[in-house]
Full PDB file with SEQRES, HELIX, SHEET, SSBOND, CRYST1, ORIGX, SCALE, CONECT and MASTER records, all heavy atoms in Angstrom:
SEQRES   1 A   41  ILE GLY ASN ILE ASP PRO ARG ILE PHE ASN PHE LEU LEU          
SEQRES   2 A   41  PRO PHE PRO PHE VAL ALA ALA THR VAL ARG LEU LEU ILE          
SEQRES   3 A   41  ASN SER GLU THR ALA ILE PHE PHE ILE VAL THR ILE MET          
SEQRES   4 A   41  ILE LEU                                                      
HELIX    1 AA1 PRO A    6  LEU A   12  5                                   7    
HELIX    2 AA2 PHE A   15  LEU A   25  1                                  11    
HELIX    3 AA3 SER A   28  ILE A   40  1                                  13    
CRYST1    1.000    1.000    1.000  90.00  90.00  90.00 P 1           1          
ORIGX1      1.000000  0.000000  0.000000        0.00000                         
ORIGX2      0.000000  1.000000  0.000000        0.00000                         
ORIGX3      0.000000  0.000000  1.000000        0.00000                         
SCALE1      1.000000  0.000000  0.000000        0.00000                         
SCALE2      0.000000  1.000000  0.000000        0.00000                         
SCALE3      0.000000  0.000000  1.000000        0.00000                         
ATOM      1  N   ILE A   1      -1.749  23.650   2.525  1.00  0.00           N  
ATOM      2  CA  ILE A   1      -3.240  23.495   2.602  1.00  0.00           C  
ATOM      3  C   ILE A   1      -3.876  24.443   3.592  1.00  0.00           C  
ATOM      4  O   ILE A   1      -5.081  24.959   3.312  1.00  0.00           O  
ATOM      5  CB  ILE A   1      -3.545  21.913   3.012  1.00  0.00           C  
ATOM      6  CG1 ILE A   1      -2.911  20.978   1.973  1.00  0.00           C  
ATOM      7  CG2 ILE A   1      -5.047  21.727   3.168  1.00  0.00           C  
ATOM      8  CD1 ILE A   1      -3.206  19.576   2.247  1.00  0.00           C  
ATOM      9  N   GLY A   2      -3.291  24.591   4.634  1.00  0.00           N  
ATOM     10  CA  GLY A   2      -3.764  25.474   5.803  1.00  0.00           C  
ATOM     11  C   GLY A   2      -4.728  24.764   6.617  1.00  0.00           C  
ATOM     12  O   GLY A   2      -5.445  23.831   6.238  1.00  0.00           O  
ATOM     13  N   ASN A   3      -4.814  25.186   7.886  1.00  0.00           N  
ATOM     14  CA  ASN A   3      -5.734  24.608   8.935  1.00  0.00           C  
ATOM     15  C   ASN A   3      -5.570  23.191   9.032  1.00  0.00           C  
ATOM     16  O   ASN A   3      -6.705  22.384   9.075  1.00  0.00           O  
ATOM     17  CB  ASN A   3      -7.179  25.123   8.561  1.00  0.00           C  
ATOM     18  CG  ASN A   3      -8.201  24.757   9.642  1.00  0.00           C  
ATOM     19  OD1 ASN A   3      -7.768  24.917  10.835  1.00  0.00           O  
ATOM     20  ND2 ASN A   3      -9.410  24.512   9.341  1.00  0.00           N  
ATOM     21  N   ILE A   4      -4.409  22.693   9.051  1.00  0.00           N  
ATOM     22  CA  ILE A   4      -4.206  21.220   9.271  1.00  0.00           C  
ATOM     23  C   ILE A   4      -2.987  20.924  10.007  1.00  0.00           C  
ATOM     24  O   ILE A   4      -2.025  21.544   9.848  1.00  0.00           O  
ATOM     25  CB  ILE A   4      -4.073  20.530   7.793  1.00  0.00           C  
ATOM     26  CG1 ILE A   4      -4.072  18.923   7.962  1.00  0.00           C  
ATOM     27  CG2 ILE A   4      -2.879  20.935   7.022  1.00  0.00           C  
ATOM     28  CD1 ILE A   4      -4.105  18.153   6.666  1.00  0.00           C  
ATOM     29  N   ASP A   5      -3.158  20.047  10.938  1.00  0.00           N  
ATOM     30  CA  ASP A   5      -2.025  19.718  11.836  1.00  0.00           C  
ATOM     31  C   ASP A   5      -1.106  18.780  11.070  1.00  0.00           C  
ATOM     32  O   ASP A   5      -1.516  17.733  10.690  1.00  0.00           O  
ATOM     33  CB  ASP A   5      -2.576  18.988  13.131  1.00  0.00           C  
ATOM     34  CG  ASP A   5      -1.499  18.844  14.189  1.00  0.00           C  
ATOM     35  OD1 ASP A   5      -0.308  18.442  13.877  1.00  0.00           O  
ATOM     36  OD2 ASP A   5      -1.836  19.160  15.292  1.00  0.00           O  
ATOM     37  N   PRO A   6       0.165  18.990  11.002  1.00  0.00           N  
ATOM     38  CA  PRO A   6       1.122  18.169  10.150  1.00  0.00           C  
ATOM     39  C   PRO A   6       1.233  16.736  10.823  1.00  0.00           C  
ATOM     40  O   PRO A   6       1.690  15.874  10.158  1.00  0.00           O  
ATOM     41  CB  PRO A   6       2.452  18.941  10.234  1.00  0.00           C  
ATOM     42  CG  PRO A   6       2.360  19.905  11.432  1.00  0.00           C  
ATOM     43  CD  PRO A   6       0.907  20.336  11.499  1.00  0.00           C  
ATOM     44  N   ARG A   7       0.909  16.536  12.113  1.00  0.00           N  
ATOM     45  CA  ARG A   7       0.991  15.272  12.700  1.00  0.00           C  
ATOM     46  C   ARG A   7       0.121  14.229  12.135  1.00  0.00           C  
ATOM     47  O   ARG A   7       0.378  13.011  12.212  1.00  0.00           O  
ATOM     48  CB  ARG A   7       0.894  15.355  14.189  1.00  0.00           C  
ATOM     49  CG  ARG A   7       1.956  15.990  14.922  1.00  0.00           C  
ATOM     50  CD  ARG A   7       1.612  16.228  16.485  1.00  0.00           C  
ATOM     51  NE  ARG A   7       0.489  17.095  16.776  1.00  0.00           N  
ATOM     52  CZ  ARG A   7      -0.207  17.142  17.852  1.00  0.00           C  
ATOM     53  NH1 ARG A   7       0.323  16.468  18.858  1.00  0.00           N  
ATOM     54  NH2 ARG A   7      -1.175  18.014  17.948  1.00  0.00           N  
ATOM     55  N   ILE A   8      -0.881  14.673  11.464  1.00  0.00           N  
ATOM     56  CA  ILE A   8      -1.826  13.697  10.932  1.00  0.00           C  
ATOM     57  C   ILE A   8      -1.182  12.842   9.785  1.00  0.00           C  
ATOM     58  O   ILE A   8      -1.583  11.744   9.456  1.00  0.00           O  
ATOM     59  CB  ILE A   8      -3.149  14.247  10.409  1.00  0.00           C  
ATOM     60  CG1 ILE A   8      -2.869  15.046   9.147  1.00  0.00           C  
ATOM     61  CG2 ILE A   8      -3.854  15.078  11.433  1.00  0.00           C  
ATOM     62  CD1 ILE A   8      -4.272  15.364   8.428  1.00  0.00           C  
ATOM     63  N   PHE A   9      -0.023  13.313   9.180  1.00  0.00           N  
ATOM     64  CA  PHE A   9       0.639  12.734   8.274  1.00  0.00           C  
ATOM     65  C   PHE A   9       1.420  11.454   8.756  1.00  0.00           C  
ATOM     66  O   PHE A   9       1.901  10.735   7.934  1.00  0.00           O  
ATOM     67  CB  PHE A   9       1.547  13.627   7.384  1.00  0.00           C  
ATOM     68  CG  PHE A   9       0.829  14.578   6.592  1.00  0.00           C  
ATOM     69  CD1 PHE A   9       0.578  15.905   6.948  1.00  0.00           C  
ATOM     70  CD2 PHE A   9       0.158  14.143   5.331  1.00  0.00           C  
ATOM     71  CE1 PHE A   9      -0.160  16.876   6.163  1.00  0.00           C  
ATOM     72  CE2 PHE A   9      -0.600  15.098   4.505  1.00  0.00           C  
ATOM     73  CZ  PHE A   9      -0.709  16.402   4.910  1.00  0.00           C  
ATOM     74  N   ASN A  10       1.596  11.417  10.002  1.00  0.00           N  
ATOM     75  CA  ASN A  10       2.162  10.242  10.718  1.00  0.00           C  
ATOM     76  C   ASN A  10       1.340   9.027  10.448  1.00  0.00           C  
ATOM     77  O   ASN A  10       1.894   7.990  10.640  1.00  0.00           O  
ATOM     78  CB  ASN A  10       2.423  10.535  12.183  1.00  0.00           C  
ATOM     79  CG  ASN A  10       3.464  11.643  12.466  1.00  0.00           C  
ATOM     80  OD1 ASN A  10       4.428  11.759  11.627  1.00  0.00           O  
ATOM     81  ND2 ASN A  10       3.358  12.406  13.592  1.00  0.00           N  
ATOM     82  N   PHE A  11      -0.017   9.286  10.279  1.00  0.00           N  
ATOM     83  CA  PHE A  11      -0.887   8.113   9.965  1.00  0.00           C  
ATOM     84  C   PHE A  11      -0.655   7.508   8.618  1.00  0.00           C  
ATOM     85  O   PHE A  11      -1.094   6.516   8.289  1.00  0.00           O  
ATOM     86  CB  PHE A  11      -2.247   8.467  10.157  1.00  0.00           C  
ATOM     87  CG  PHE A  11      -2.597   8.866  11.609  1.00  0.00           C  
ATOM     88  CD1 PHE A  11      -2.898  10.161  11.883  1.00  0.00           C  
ATOM     89  CD2 PHE A  11      -2.757   8.000  12.631  1.00  0.00           C  
ATOM     90  CE1 PHE A  11      -3.349  10.587  13.088  1.00  0.00           C  
ATOM     91  CE2 PHE A  11      -3.100   8.287  13.865  1.00  0.00           C  
ATOM     92  CZ  PHE A  11      -3.383   9.629  14.210  1.00  0.00           C  
ATOM     93  N   LEU A  12       0.176   8.216   7.827  1.00  0.00           N  
ATOM     94  CA  LEU A  12       0.362   7.735   6.426  1.00  0.00           C  
ATOM     95  C   LEU A  12       1.379   6.725   6.254  1.00  0.00           C  
ATOM     96  O   LEU A  12       1.431   5.975   5.311  1.00  0.00           O  
ATOM     97  CB  LEU A  12       0.619   8.912   5.570  1.00  0.00           C  
ATOM     98  CG  LEU A  12       0.743   8.789   3.984  1.00  0.00           C  
ATOM     99  CD1 LEU A  12      -0.593   8.334   3.454  1.00  0.00           C  
ATOM    100  CD2 LEU A  12       1.151  10.069   3.331  1.00  0.00           C  
ATOM    101  N   LEU A  13       2.341   6.680   7.121  1.00  0.00           N  
ATOM    102  CA  LEU A  13       3.548   5.747   7.019  1.00  0.00           C  
ATOM    103  C   LEU A  13       2.990   4.288   6.816  1.00  0.00           C  
ATOM    104  O   LEU A  13       2.377   3.692   7.658  1.00  0.00           O  
ATOM    105  CB  LEU A  13       4.333   5.781   8.315  1.00  0.00           C  
ATOM    106  CG  LEU A  13       5.641   4.873   8.181  1.00  0.00           C  
ATOM    107  CD1 LEU A  13       6.515   5.337   7.227  1.00  0.00           C  
ATOM    108  CD2 LEU A  13       6.292   4.974   9.650  1.00  0.00           C  
ATOM    109  N   PRO A  14       3.355   3.723   5.653  1.00  0.00           N  
ATOM    110  CA  PRO A  14       2.867   2.362   5.351  1.00  0.00           C  
ATOM    111  C   PRO A  14       3.730   1.240   5.968  1.00  0.00           C  
ATOM    112  O   PRO A  14       4.294   0.312   5.195  1.00  0.00           O  
ATOM    113  CB  PRO A  14       2.927   2.300   3.851  1.00  0.00           C  
ATOM    114  CG  PRO A  14       4.025   3.295   3.508  1.00  0.00           C  
ATOM    115  CD  PRO A  14       4.135   4.324   4.530  1.00  0.00           C  
ATOM    116  N   PHE A  15       3.962   1.278   7.197  1.00  0.00           N  
ATOM    117  CA  PHE A  15       4.926   0.287   7.757  1.00  0.00           C  
ATOM    118  C   PHE A  15       4.392  -1.030   7.784  1.00  0.00           C  
ATOM    119  O   PHE A  15       5.324  -2.041   7.593  1.00  0.00           O  
ATOM    120  CB  PHE A  15       5.094   0.651   9.277  1.00  0.00           C  
ATOM    121  CG  PHE A  15       5.944  -0.331  10.110  1.00  0.00           C  
ATOM    122  CD1 PHE A  15       7.184  -0.613   9.824  1.00  0.00           C  
ATOM    123  CD2 PHE A  15       5.238  -0.995  11.114  1.00  0.00           C  
ATOM    124  CE1 PHE A  15       7.899  -1.629  10.413  1.00  0.00           C  
ATOM    125  CE2 PHE A  15       5.931  -2.092  11.813  1.00  0.00           C  
ATOM    126  CZ  PHE A  15       7.263  -2.286  11.461  1.00  0.00           C  
ATOM    127  N   PRO A  16       3.143  -1.343   7.833  1.00  0.00           N  
ATOM    128  CA  PRO A  16       2.689  -2.727   7.619  1.00  0.00           C  
ATOM    129  C   PRO A  16       3.166  -3.481   6.450  1.00  0.00           C  
ATOM    130  O   PRO A  16       3.428  -4.656   6.534  1.00  0.00           O  
ATOM    131  CB  PRO A  16       1.134  -2.704   7.693  1.00  0.00           C  
ATOM    132  CG  PRO A  16       0.853  -1.293   8.445  1.00  0.00           C  
ATOM    133  CD  PRO A  16       1.996  -0.416   8.129  1.00  0.00           C  
ATOM    134  N   PHE A  17       3.409  -2.781   5.345  1.00  0.00           N  
ATOM    135  CA  PHE A  17       3.835  -3.442   4.252  1.00  0.00           C  
ATOM    136  C   PHE A  17       5.208  -4.027   4.355  1.00  0.00           C  
ATOM    137  O   PHE A  17       5.482  -5.102   3.806  1.00  0.00           O  
ATOM    138  CB  PHE A  17       3.819  -2.507   2.996  1.00  0.00           C  
ATOM    139  CG  PHE A  17       5.148  -2.074   2.351  1.00  0.00           C  
ATOM    140  CD1 PHE A  17       5.802  -2.963   1.485  1.00  0.00           C  
ATOM    141  CD2 PHE A  17       5.618  -0.938   2.724  1.00  0.00           C  
ATOM    142  CE1 PHE A  17       7.014  -2.444   0.934  1.00  0.00           C  
ATOM    143  CE2 PHE A  17       6.917  -0.473   2.236  1.00  0.00           C  
ATOM    144  CZ  PHE A  17       7.604  -1.261   1.391  1.00  0.00           C  
ATOM    145  N   VAL A  18       6.114  -3.432   5.096  1.00  0.00           N  
ATOM    146  CA  VAL A  18       7.464  -3.960   5.237  1.00  0.00           C  
ATOM    147  C   VAL A  18       7.389  -5.196   6.231  1.00  0.00           C  
ATOM    148  O   VAL A  18       8.143  -6.057   5.945  1.00  0.00           O  
ATOM    149  CB  VAL A  18       8.499  -2.903   5.777  1.00  0.00           C  
ATOM    150  CG1 VAL A  18       8.834  -1.842   4.702  1.00  0.00           C  
ATOM    151  CG2 VAL A  18       8.083  -2.246   6.981  1.00  0.00           C  
ATOM    152  N   ALA A  19       6.607  -5.087   7.205  1.00  0.00           N  
ATOM    153  CA  ALA A  19       6.375  -6.220   8.173  1.00  0.00           C  
ATOM    154  C   ALA A  19       5.822  -7.494   7.397  1.00  0.00           C  
ATOM    155  O   ALA A  19       6.234  -8.616   7.525  1.00  0.00           O  
ATOM    156  CB  ALA A  19       5.544  -5.886   9.379  1.00  0.00           C  
ATOM    157  N   ALA A  20       4.824  -7.182   6.501  1.00  0.00           N  
ATOM    158  CA  ALA A  20       4.302  -8.206   5.749  1.00  0.00           C  
ATOM    159  C   ALA A  20       5.175  -8.785   4.726  1.00  0.00           C  
ATOM    160  O   ALA A  20       5.170  -9.997   4.442  1.00  0.00           O  
ATOM    161  CB  ALA A  20       2.989  -7.762   5.017  1.00  0.00           C  
ATOM    162  N   THR A  21       6.080  -7.979   4.254  1.00  0.00           N  
ATOM    163  CA  THR A  21       7.090  -8.500   3.263  1.00  0.00           C  
ATOM    164  C   THR A  21       7.967  -9.609   3.953  1.00  0.00           C  
ATOM    165  O   THR A  21       8.187 -10.671   3.353  1.00  0.00           O  
ATOM    166  CB  THR A  21       7.985  -7.335   2.759  1.00  0.00           C  
ATOM    167  OG1 THR A  21       7.158  -6.436   2.147  1.00  0.00           O  
ATOM    168  CG2 THR A  21       9.079  -7.938   1.853  1.00  0.00           C  
ATOM    169  N   VAL A  22       8.344  -9.310   5.246  1.00  0.00           N  
ATOM    170  CA  VAL A  22       9.157 -10.230   5.976  1.00  0.00           C  
ATOM    171  C   VAL A  22       8.371 -11.521   6.277  1.00  0.00           C  
ATOM    172  O   VAL A  22       8.906 -12.609   6.114  1.00  0.00           O  
ATOM    173  CB  VAL A  22       9.749  -9.583   7.348  1.00  0.00           C  
ATOM    174  CG1 VAL A  22      10.478 -10.622   8.169  1.00  0.00           C  
ATOM    175  CG2 VAL A  22      10.531  -8.381   7.085  1.00  0.00           C  
ATOM    176  N   ARG A  23       7.023 -11.327   6.578  1.00  0.00           N  
ATOM    177  CA  ARG A  23       6.223 -12.537   6.834  1.00  0.00           C  
ATOM    178  C   ARG A  23       6.081 -13.380   5.547  1.00  0.00           C  
ATOM    179  O   ARG A  23       6.153 -14.550   5.576  1.00  0.00           O  
ATOM    180  CB  ARG A  23       4.895 -12.035   7.257  1.00  0.00           C  
ATOM    181  CG  ARG A  23       3.754 -13.068   7.185  1.00  0.00           C  
ATOM    182  CD  ARG A  23       4.047 -14.203   8.084  1.00  0.00           C  
ATOM    183  NE  ARG A  23       3.179 -15.342   8.020  1.00  0.00           N  
ATOM    184  CZ  ARG A  23       3.378 -16.403   7.090  1.00  0.00           C  
ATOM    185  NH1 ARG A  23       4.438 -16.371   6.333  1.00  0.00           N  
ATOM    186  NH2 ARG A  23       2.502 -17.427   7.045  1.00  0.00           N  
ATOM    187  N   LEU A  24       5.856 -12.766   4.421  1.00  0.00           N  
ATOM    188  CA  LEU A  24       5.690 -13.547   3.170  1.00  0.00           C  
ATOM    189  C   LEU A  24       6.821 -14.219   2.654  1.00  0.00           C  
ATOM    190  O   LEU A  24       6.885 -15.287   2.150  1.00  0.00           O  
ATOM    191  CB  LEU A  24       5.057 -12.715   2.040  1.00  0.00           C  
ATOM    192  CG  LEU A  24       3.639 -12.175   2.276  1.00  0.00           C  
ATOM    193  CD1 LEU A  24       3.224 -11.222   1.220  1.00  0.00           C  
ATOM    194  CD2 LEU A  24       2.646 -13.381   2.378  1.00  0.00           C  
ATOM    195  N   LEU A  25       8.065 -13.540   2.885  1.00  0.00           N  
ATOM    196  CA  LEU A  25       9.276 -14.034   2.216  1.00  0.00           C  
ATOM    197  C   LEU A  25      10.072 -14.909   3.193  1.00  0.00           C  
ATOM    198  O   LEU A  25      10.813 -15.769   2.808  1.00  0.00           O  
ATOM    199  CB  LEU A  25      10.270 -12.939   1.859  1.00  0.00           C  
ATOM    200  CG  LEU A  25       9.587 -12.001   0.714  1.00  0.00           C  
ATOM    201  CD1 LEU A  25      10.644 -10.899   0.381  1.00  0.00           C  
ATOM    202  CD2 LEU A  25       9.324 -12.769  -0.539  1.00  0.00           C  
ATOM    203  N   ILE A  26       9.827 -14.789   4.604  1.00  0.00           N  
ATOM    204  CA  ILE A  26      10.630 -15.513   5.558  1.00  0.00           C  
ATOM    205  C   ILE A  26       9.639 -16.348   6.460  1.00  0.00           C  
ATOM    206  O   ILE A  26       9.268 -17.357   6.104  1.00  0.00           O  
ATOM    207  CB  ILE A  26      11.597 -14.635   6.392  1.00  0.00           C  
ATOM    208  CG1 ILE A  26      12.437 -13.676   5.566  1.00  0.00           C  
ATOM    209  CG2 ILE A  26      12.444 -15.467   7.298  1.00  0.00           C  
ATOM    210  CD1 ILE A  26      13.280 -12.713   6.257  1.00  0.00           C  
ATOM    211  N   ASN A  27       9.186 -15.721   7.513  1.00  0.00           N  
ATOM    212  CA  ASN A  27       8.148 -16.399   8.358  1.00  0.00           C  
ATOM    213  C   ASN A  27       7.625 -15.457   9.407  1.00  0.00           C  
ATOM    214  O   ASN A  27       8.113 -14.277   9.661  1.00  0.00           O  
ATOM    215  CB  ASN A  27       8.676 -17.657   9.009  1.00  0.00           C  
ATOM    216  CG  ASN A  27       9.939 -17.470   9.879  1.00  0.00           C  
ATOM    217  OD1 ASN A  27      10.010 -16.460  10.653  1.00  0.00           O  
ATOM    218  ND2 ASN A  27      10.936 -18.305   9.699  1.00  0.00           N  
ATOM    219  N   SER A  28       6.678 -15.870  10.129  1.00  0.00           N  
ATOM    220  CA  SER A  28       5.932 -14.998  11.064  1.00  0.00           C  
ATOM    221  C   SER A  28       6.861 -14.591  12.291  1.00  0.00           C  
ATOM    222  O   SER A  28       6.877 -13.487  12.759  1.00  0.00           O  
ATOM    223  CB  SER A  28       4.716 -15.607  11.593  1.00  0.00           C  
ATOM    224  OG  SER A  28       3.714 -15.911  10.565  1.00  0.00           O  
ATOM    225  N   GLU A  29       7.663 -15.613  12.756  1.00  0.00           N  
ATOM    226  CA  GLU A  29       8.476 -15.411  13.922  1.00  0.00           C  
ATOM    227  C   GLU A  29       9.621 -14.260  13.588  1.00  0.00           C  
ATOM    228  O   GLU A  29       9.786 -13.392  14.369  1.00  0.00           O  
ATOM    229  CB  GLU A  29       9.251 -16.682  14.380  1.00  0.00           C  
ATOM    230  CG  GLU A  29       8.278 -17.734  14.850  1.00  0.00           C  
ATOM    231  CD  GLU A  29       7.503 -18.491  13.885  1.00  0.00           C  
ATOM    232  OE1 GLU A  29       7.642 -18.212  12.615  1.00  0.00           O  
ATOM    233  OE2 GLU A  29       6.614 -19.271  14.173  1.00  0.00           O  
ATOM    234  N   THR A  30      10.133 -14.375  12.401  1.00  0.00           N  
ATOM    235  CA  THR A  30      11.216 -13.351  12.054  1.00  0.00           C  
ATOM    236  C   THR A  30      10.526 -11.930  11.807  1.00  0.00           C  
ATOM    237  O   THR A  30      11.021 -10.930  12.123  1.00  0.00           O  
ATOM    238  CB  THR A  30      11.938 -13.753  10.732  1.00  0.00           C  
ATOM    239  OG1 THR A  30      12.385 -15.090  10.948  1.00  0.00           O  
ATOM    240  CG2 THR A  30      13.036 -12.866  10.483  1.00  0.00           C  
ATOM    241  N   ALA A  31       9.163 -12.014  11.315  1.00  0.00           N  
ATOM    242  CA  ALA A  31       8.436 -10.679  11.139  1.00  0.00           C  
ATOM    243  C   ALA A  31       8.192 -10.067  12.409  1.00  0.00           C  
ATOM    244  O   ALA A  31       8.247  -8.818  12.509  1.00  0.00           O  
ATOM    245  CB  ALA A  31       7.124 -10.998  10.329  1.00  0.00           C  
ATOM    246  N   ILE A  32       7.829 -10.811  13.540  1.00  0.00           N  
ATOM    247  CA  ILE A  32       7.789 -10.292  14.737  1.00  0.00           C  
ATOM    248  C   ILE A  32       8.849  -9.623  15.321  1.00  0.00           C  
ATOM    249  O   ILE A  32       8.867  -8.504  15.878  1.00  0.00           O  
ATOM    250  CB  ILE A  32       7.068 -11.320  15.726  1.00  0.00           C  
ATOM    251  CG1 ILE A  32       5.665 -11.645  15.275  1.00  0.00           C  
ATOM    252  CG2 ILE A  32       7.021 -10.787  17.162  1.00  0.00           C  
ATOM    253  CD1 ILE A  32       5.097 -12.939  16.021  1.00  0.00           C  
ATOM    254  N   PHE A  33      10.022 -10.209  15.233  1.00  0.00           N  
ATOM    255  CA  PHE A  33      11.295  -9.696  15.550  1.00  0.00           C  
ATOM    256  C   PHE A  33      11.586  -8.364  14.782  1.00  0.00           C  
ATOM    257  O   PHE A  33      11.964  -7.379  15.471  1.00  0.00           O  
ATOM    258  CB  PHE A  33      12.494 -10.626  15.324  1.00  0.00           C  
ATOM    259  CG  PHE A  33      13.855  -9.971  15.457  1.00  0.00           C  
ATOM    260  CD1 PHE A  33      14.418  -9.841  16.780  1.00  0.00           C  
ATOM    261  CD2 PHE A  33      14.483  -9.642  14.278  1.00  0.00           C  
ATOM    262  CE1 PHE A  33      15.677  -9.194  16.798  1.00  0.00           C  
ATOM    263  CE2 PHE A  33      15.746  -9.050  14.439  1.00  0.00           C  
ATOM    264  CZ  PHE A  33      16.348  -8.835  15.627  1.00  0.00           C  
ATOM    265  N   PHE A  34      11.212  -8.339  13.614  1.00  0.00           N  
ATOM    266  CA  PHE A  34      11.367  -7.058  12.641  1.00  0.00           C  
ATOM    267  C   PHE A  34      10.558  -6.005  13.248  1.00  0.00           C  
ATOM    268  O   PHE A  34      10.956  -4.864  13.342  1.00  0.00           O  
ATOM    269  CB  PHE A  34      11.045  -7.559  11.323  1.00  0.00           C  
ATOM    270  CG  PHE A  34      11.247  -6.303  10.315  1.00  0.00           C  
ATOM    271  CD1 PHE A  34      12.543  -5.889   9.918  1.00  0.00           C  
ATOM    272  CD2 PHE A  34      10.197  -5.629   9.804  1.00  0.00           C  
ATOM    273  CE1 PHE A  34      12.687  -4.891   9.114  1.00  0.00           C  
ATOM    274  CE2 PHE A  34      10.333  -4.578   8.985  1.00  0.00           C  
ATOM    275  CZ  PHE A  34      11.621  -4.095   8.562  1.00  0.00           C  
ATOM    276  N   ILE A  35       9.256  -6.330  13.613  1.00  0.00           N  
ATOM    277  CA  ILE A  35       8.391  -5.369  14.177  1.00  0.00           C  
ATOM    278  C   ILE A  35       8.944  -4.699  15.363  1.00  0.00           C  
ATOM    279  O   ILE A  35       8.883  -3.548  15.612  1.00  0.00           O  
ATOM    280  CB  ILE A  35       6.959  -5.897  14.392  1.00  0.00           C  
ATOM    281  CG1 ILE A  35       6.330  -6.219  12.981  1.00  0.00           C  
ATOM    282  CG2 ILE A  35       6.054  -4.977  15.180  1.00  0.00           C  
ATOM    283  CD1 ILE A  35       4.972  -7.077  13.154  1.00  0.00           C  
ATOM    284  N   VAL A  36       9.368  -5.639  16.346  1.00  0.00           N  
ATOM    285  CA  VAL A  36       9.993  -5.154  17.548  1.00  0.00           C  
ATOM    286  C   VAL A  36      11.152  -4.162  17.361  1.00  0.00           C  
ATOM    287  O   VAL A  36      11.296  -3.109  17.923  1.00  0.00           O  
ATOM    288  CB  VAL A  36      10.451  -6.256  18.490  1.00  0.00           C  
ATOM    289  CG1 VAL A  36      11.171  -5.841  19.661  1.00  0.00           C  
ATOM    290  CG2 VAL A  36       9.167  -7.086  18.931  1.00  0.00           C  
ATOM    291  N   THR A  37      11.992  -4.512  16.358  1.00  0.00           N  
ATOM    292  CA  THR A  37      13.217  -3.823  16.001  1.00  0.00           C  
ATOM    293  C   THR A  37      12.728  -2.410  15.525  1.00  0.00           C  
ATOM    294  O   THR A  37      13.304  -1.386  15.955  1.00  0.00           O  
ATOM    295  CB  THR A  37      13.985  -4.480  14.866  1.00  0.00           C  
ATOM    296  OG1 THR A  37      14.490  -5.735  15.366  1.00  0.00           O  
ATOM    297  CG2 THR A  37      15.222  -3.694  14.499  1.00  0.00           C  
ATOM    298  N   ILE A  38      11.888  -2.360  14.529  1.00  0.00           N  
ATOM    299  CA  ILE A  38      11.389  -1.035  14.037  1.00  0.00           C  
ATOM    300  C   ILE A  38      10.728  -0.149  15.106  1.00  0.00           C  
ATOM    301  O   ILE A  38      10.892   1.046  15.060  1.00  0.00           O  
ATOM    302  CB  ILE A  38      10.590  -1.241  12.768  1.00  0.00           C  
ATOM    303  CG1 ILE A  38      11.290  -2.101  11.706  1.00  0.00           C  
ATOM    304  CG2 ILE A  38      10.114   0.068  12.245  1.00  0.00           C  
ATOM    305  CD1 ILE A  38      12.501  -1.414  11.153  1.00  0.00           C  
ATOM    306  N   MET A  39       9.941  -0.849  16.005  1.00  0.00           N  
ATOM    307  CA  MET A  39       9.222  -0.005  16.881  1.00  0.00           C  
ATOM    308  C   MET A  39      10.286   0.634  17.938  1.00  0.00           C  
ATOM    309  O   MET A  39      10.027   1.762  18.412  1.00  0.00           O  
ATOM    310  CB  MET A  39       8.354  -0.975  17.794  1.00  0.00           C  
ATOM    311  CG  MET A  39       7.062  -1.263  17.123  1.00  0.00           C  
ATOM    312  SD  MET A  39       6.258   0.152  16.322  1.00  0.00           S  
ATOM    313  CE  MET A  39       6.653  -0.117  14.601  1.00  0.00           C  
ATOM    314  N   ILE A  40      11.517  -0.025  18.111  1.00  0.00           N  
ATOM    315  CA  ILE A  40      12.593   0.677  18.914  1.00  0.00           C  
ATOM    316  C   ILE A  40      12.931   1.960  18.166  1.00  0.00           C  
ATOM    317  O   ILE A  40      13.256   2.911  18.765  1.00  0.00           O  
ATOM    318  CB  ILE A  40      13.698  -0.386  19.130  1.00  0.00           C  
ATOM    319  CG1 ILE A  40      13.203  -1.491  20.040  1.00  0.00           C  
ATOM    320  CG2 ILE A  40      14.881   0.351  19.826  1.00  0.00           C  
ATOM    321  CD1 ILE A  40      14.280  -2.608  20.029  1.00  0.00           C  
ATOM    322  N   LEU A  41      13.107   1.786  16.813  1.00  0.00           N  
ATOM    323  CA  LEU A  41      13.407   3.055  16.080  1.00  0.00           C  
ATOM    324  C   LEU A  41      12.377   4.074  16.173  1.00  0.00           C  
ATOM    325  O   LEU A  41      12.734   5.247  16.434  1.00  0.00           O  
ATOM    326  CB  LEU A  41      13.691   2.669  14.639  1.00  0.00           C  
ATOM    327  CG  LEU A  41      14.831   1.605  14.339  1.00  0.00           C  
ATOM    328  CD1 LEU A  41      14.906   1.320  12.864  1.00  0.00           C  
ATOM    329  CD2 LEU A  41      16.186   2.295  14.679  1.00  0.00           C  
TER     330      LEU A  41                                                      
MASTER        0    0    0    3    0    0    0    6  329    1    0    4          
END                                                                             
């Protein structure tokens, strides 16, 4: 494309969907643990 910082694509990662998946299928408490886990990564 040119004239664009590649770091802006870091805003594209749809991480909320995986956390919401844990919330909908299991529960909020487990989803929060999952968020903490992925944030460590």
